[in-house]
Structures are given as structure tokens and as C-alpha cells.
């Protein structure tokens, strides 16, 4: 059931990784990148918790946020 719920979001992230991200310079301050973090969070924690973790991560990816190695909890 979890895989069915996250499938559309995984497809959106993969579309972003394959077609949109290559058109812009790499600017993610974290390792793994925010999009890879989102995929891992969705697969590990499901739609709601994984989605929340992804939103928090993307919101902190700015000049005043953190940086460095930040794996999915």
C-alpha cells in the first residue's frame, strides 16, 4: 500500500532529476542531494512522514540553513 501511495511522488522527483535538474548548476548544500533525500525519505518512511522530512530539508537548503552530510533518519 505504501508503494502505491508514494509512486506518483517518486515519479515526479525522478522526472525532476532527469529533465529539470541537469539544466541548472548544482546548488544543493547537502549530501545526499535534496531530491535523493526525498526519494529515500519517501521509500523509508512513507508519504506523510517522508514528505514532511523532505519539506523540512528543502526549506533548510538555503544560504542561512545547514550544509554537509545529512542522511535520512
N, C-alpha and C. Protein backbone atom coordinates (compact mmCIF):
# COMPACT_ATOMS: atom_id res chain seq x y z
N UNK A 1 0.82 -1.20 0.00
CA UNK A 1 0.00 0.00 0.00
C UNK A 1 0.87 1.26 0.00
N UNK A 2 1.95 1.23 0.81
CA UNK A 2 2.85 2.39 0.89
C UNK A 2 3.44 2.70 -0.48
N UNK A 3 3.84 1.67 -1.23
CA UNK A 3 4.46 1.89 -2.54
C UNK A 3 3.48 2.53 -3.52
N UNK A 4 2.21 2.17 -3.41
CA UNK A 4 1.21 2.75 -4.30
C UNK A 4 1.02 4.23 -4.00
N UNK A 5 1.03 4.60 -2.72
CA UNK A 5 0.83 6.00 -2.34
C UNK A 5 2.00 6.89 -2.74
N UNK A 6 3.21 6.36 -2.64
CA UNK A 6 4.38 7.21 -2.93
C UNK A 6 4.76 7.20 -4.40
N UNK A 7 4.24 6.26 -5.18
CA UNK A 7 4.64 6.12 -6.59
C UNK A 7 4.54 7.41 -7.40
N UNK A 8 3.43 8.18 -7.33
CA UNK A 8 3.38 9.42 -8.13
C UNK A 8 4.44 10.44 -7.71
N UNK A 9 4.74 10.49 -6.43
CA UNK A 9 5.73 11.45 -5.94
C UNK A 9 7.15 11.03 -6.33
N UNK A 10 7.40 9.73 -6.30
CA UNK A 10 8.69 9.22 -6.75
C UNK A 10 8.88 9.53 -8.24
N UNK A 11 7.83 9.36 -9.03
CA UNK A 11 7.91 9.68 -10.46
C UNK A 11 8.18 11.17 -10.68
N UNK A 12 7.54 12.03 -9.90
CA UNK A 12 7.78 13.47 -10.02
C UNK A 12 9.24 13.83 -9.71
N UNK A 13 9.78 13.23 -8.65
CA UNK A 13 11.16 13.51 -8.27
C UNK A 13 12.11 12.99 -9.34
N UNK A 14 11.85 11.79 -9.84
CA UNK A 14 12.71 11.22 -10.89
C UNK A 14 12.64 12.08 -12.15
N UNK A 15 11.45 12.58 -12.51
CA UNK A 15 11.32 13.48 -13.65
C UNK A 15 12.18 14.72 -13.43
N UNK A 16 12.10 15.28 -12.24
CA UNK A 16 12.93 16.45 -11.90
C UNK A 16 14.41 16.12 -12.05
N UNK A 17 14.84 14.97 -11.50
CA UNK A 17 16.25 14.59 -11.56
C UNK A 17 16.74 14.40 -12.99
N UNK A 18 15.91 13.83 -13.84
CA UNK A 18 16.33 13.51 -15.20
C UNK A 18 16.21 14.66 -16.19
N UNK A 19 15.19 15.51 -16.03
CA UNK A 19 14.92 16.50 -17.06
C UNK A 19 15.08 17.96 -16.63
N UNK A 20 14.85 18.27 -15.38
CA UNK A 20 14.92 19.66 -14.93
C UNK A 20 16.26 19.98 -14.29
N UNK A 21 16.69 19.15 -13.37
CA UNK A 21 17.94 19.40 -12.64
C UNK A 21 19.16 19.55 -13.54
N UNK A 22 19.31 18.77 -14.60
CA UNK A 22 20.50 18.93 -15.46
C UNK A 22 20.60 20.28 -16.15
N UNK A 23 19.51 21.03 -16.23
CA UNK A 23 19.54 22.32 -16.89
C UNK A 23 20.10 23.44 -16.00
N UNK A 24 20.27 23.15 -14.72
CA UNK A 24 20.74 24.16 -13.77
C UNK A 24 22.02 23.69 -13.09
N UNK A 25 22.86 24.62 -12.65
CA UNK A 25 24.07 24.21 -11.92
C UNK A 25 23.70 23.59 -10.57
N UNK A 26 24.54 22.70 -10.11
CA UNK A 26 24.32 22.04 -8.83
C UNK A 26 24.47 23.05 -7.70
N UNK A 27 23.43 23.21 -6.90
CA UNK A 27 23.47 24.17 -5.81
C UNK A 27 23.09 23.59 -4.46
N UNK A 28 22.80 22.30 -4.40
CA UNK A 28 22.39 21.70 -3.13
C UNK A 28 23.54 21.75 -2.14
N UNK A 29 23.24 22.16 -0.93
CA UNK A 29 24.25 22.33 0.11
C UNK A 29 24.46 21.05 0.91
N UNK A 30 23.69 20.04 0.63
CA UNK A 30 23.71 18.81 1.42
C UNK A 30 24.16 17.61 0.59
N UNK A 31 24.59 16.59 1.29
CA UNK A 31 24.84 15.28 0.72
C UNK A 31 24.04 14.29 1.55
N UNK A 32 23.18 13.49 0.98
CA UNK A 32 22.78 13.41 -0.42
C UNK A 32 21.98 14.65 -0.84
N UNK A 33 21.84 14.83 -2.14
CA UNK A 33 21.10 16.00 -2.64
C UNK A 33 19.67 15.96 -2.12
N UNK A 34 19.01 17.09 -2.19
CA UNK A 34 17.63 17.18 -1.68
C UNK A 34 16.68 16.22 -2.42
N UNK A 35 16.87 16.07 -3.71
CA UNK A 35 15.98 15.17 -4.45
C UNK A 35 16.25 13.72 -4.08
N UNK A 36 17.51 13.35 -3.90
CA UNK A 36 17.82 11.98 -3.48
C UNK A 36 17.33 11.73 -2.07
N UNK A 37 17.47 12.72 -1.20
CA UNK A 37 16.97 12.64 0.17
C UNK A 37 15.45 12.40 0.15
N UNK A 38 14.75 13.12 -0.72
CA UNK A 38 13.30 12.96 -0.83
C UNK A 38 12.93 11.54 -1.23
N UNK A 39 13.62 10.99 -2.22
CA UNK A 39 13.33 9.61 -2.63
C UNK A 39 13.56 8.64 -1.48
N UNK A 40 14.68 8.78 -0.78
CA UNK A 40 14.99 7.89 0.33
C UNK A 40 13.98 8.04 1.46
N UNK A 41 13.60 9.27 1.79
CA UNK A 41 12.64 9.51 2.86
C UNK A 41 11.28 8.91 2.53
N UNK A 42 10.83 9.09 1.29
CA UNK A 42 9.54 8.53 0.89
C UNK A 42 9.55 7.01 0.95
N UNK A 43 10.62 6.40 0.47
CA UNK A 43 10.70 4.94 0.47
C UNK A 43 10.84 4.38 1.88
N UNK A 44 11.53 5.07 2.74
CA UNK A 44 11.78 4.57 4.10
C UNK A 44 10.62 4.86 5.05
N UNK A 45 10.03 6.06 4.96
CA UNK A 45 9.04 6.48 5.95
C UNK A 45 7.62 6.62 5.41
N UNK A 46 7.44 6.49 4.12
CA UNK A 46 6.10 6.62 3.56
C UNK A 46 5.78 8.06 3.18
N UNK A 47 4.55 8.25 2.73
CA UNK A 47 4.15 9.53 2.16
C UNK A 47 4.14 10.67 3.17
N UNK A 48 3.54 10.47 4.33
CA UNK A 48 3.35 11.59 5.25
C UNK A 48 4.63 11.97 5.99
N UNK A 49 5.24 11.02 6.68
CA UNK A 49 6.47 11.35 7.40
C UNK A 49 7.61 11.66 6.43
N UNK A 50 7.75 10.86 5.38
CA UNK A 50 8.78 11.10 4.38
C UNK A 50 8.59 12.42 3.67
N UNK A 51 7.33 12.75 3.38
CA UNK A 51 7.03 14.04 2.76
C UNK A 51 7.37 15.20 3.68
N UNK A 52 7.05 15.05 4.96
CA UNK A 52 7.36 16.11 5.93
C UNK A 52 8.87 16.29 6.07
N UNK A 53 9.62 15.19 6.16
CA UNK A 53 11.08 15.28 6.24
C UNK A 53 11.65 15.97 5.00
N UNK A 54 11.09 15.67 3.84
CA UNK A 54 11.54 16.27 2.59
C UNK A 54 11.27 17.77 2.56
N UNK A 55 10.09 18.16 2.99
CA UNK A 55 9.75 19.59 3.03
C UNK A 55 10.69 20.34 3.96
N UNK A 56 10.95 19.76 5.15
CA UNK A 56 11.88 20.40 6.09
C UNK A 56 13.27 20.53 5.49
N UNK A 57 13.72 19.49 4.81
CA UNK A 57 15.05 19.50 4.21
C UNK A 57 15.15 20.55 3.11
N UNK A 58 14.18 20.60 2.22
CA UNK A 58 14.20 21.56 1.12
C UNK A 58 14.13 22.99 1.66
N UNK A 59 13.34 23.20 2.71
CA UNK A 59 13.22 24.53 3.30
C UNK A 59 14.54 24.98 3.94
N UNK A 60 15.34 24.03 4.43
CA UNK A 60 16.61 24.40 5.07
C UNK A 60 17.76 24.53 4.07
N UNK A 61 17.51 24.19 2.82
CA UNK A 61 18.56 24.27 1.79
C UNK A 61 18.59 25.69 1.23
N UNK A 62 19.17 26.59 2.00
CA UNK A 62 19.29 27.98 1.62
C UNK A 62 20.57 28.54 2.25
N UNK A 63 20.99 29.73 1.89
CA UNK A 63 22.25 30.27 2.41
C UNK A 63 22.30 30.38 3.94
N UNK A 64 21.14 30.48 4.60
CA UNK A 64 21.13 30.60 6.06
C UNK A 64 20.85 29.27 6.74
N UNK A 65 20.64 28.22 5.96
CA UNK A 65 20.37 26.90 6.51
C UNK A 65 21.67 26.13 6.73
N UNK A 66 21.54 24.83 6.93
CA UNK A 66 22.70 24.00 7.18
C UNK A 66 23.36 23.55 5.90
N UNK A 67 24.35 22.68 6.07
CA UNK A 67 25.03 22.07 4.93
C UNK A 67 25.77 20.85 5.41
N UNK A 68 26.31 20.08 4.48
CA UNK A 68 27.09 18.90 4.82
C UNK A 68 26.31 17.61 4.67
N UNK A 69 26.79 16.57 5.35
CA UNK A 69 26.19 15.24 5.26
C UNK A 69 24.95 15.21 6.14
N UNK A 70 23.80 14.87 5.57
CA UNK A 70 22.54 14.84 6.30
C UNK A 70 21.71 13.66 5.80
N UNK A 71 21.92 12.46 6.34
CA UNK A 71 21.18 11.30 5.86
C UNK A 71 19.74 11.30 6.37
N UNK A 72 18.91 10.49 5.77
CA UNK A 72 17.53 10.32 6.21
C UNK A 72 17.56 9.60 7.56
N UNK A 73 16.85 10.14 8.56
CA UNK A 73 16.85 9.47 9.88
C UNK A 73 16.13 8.13 9.84
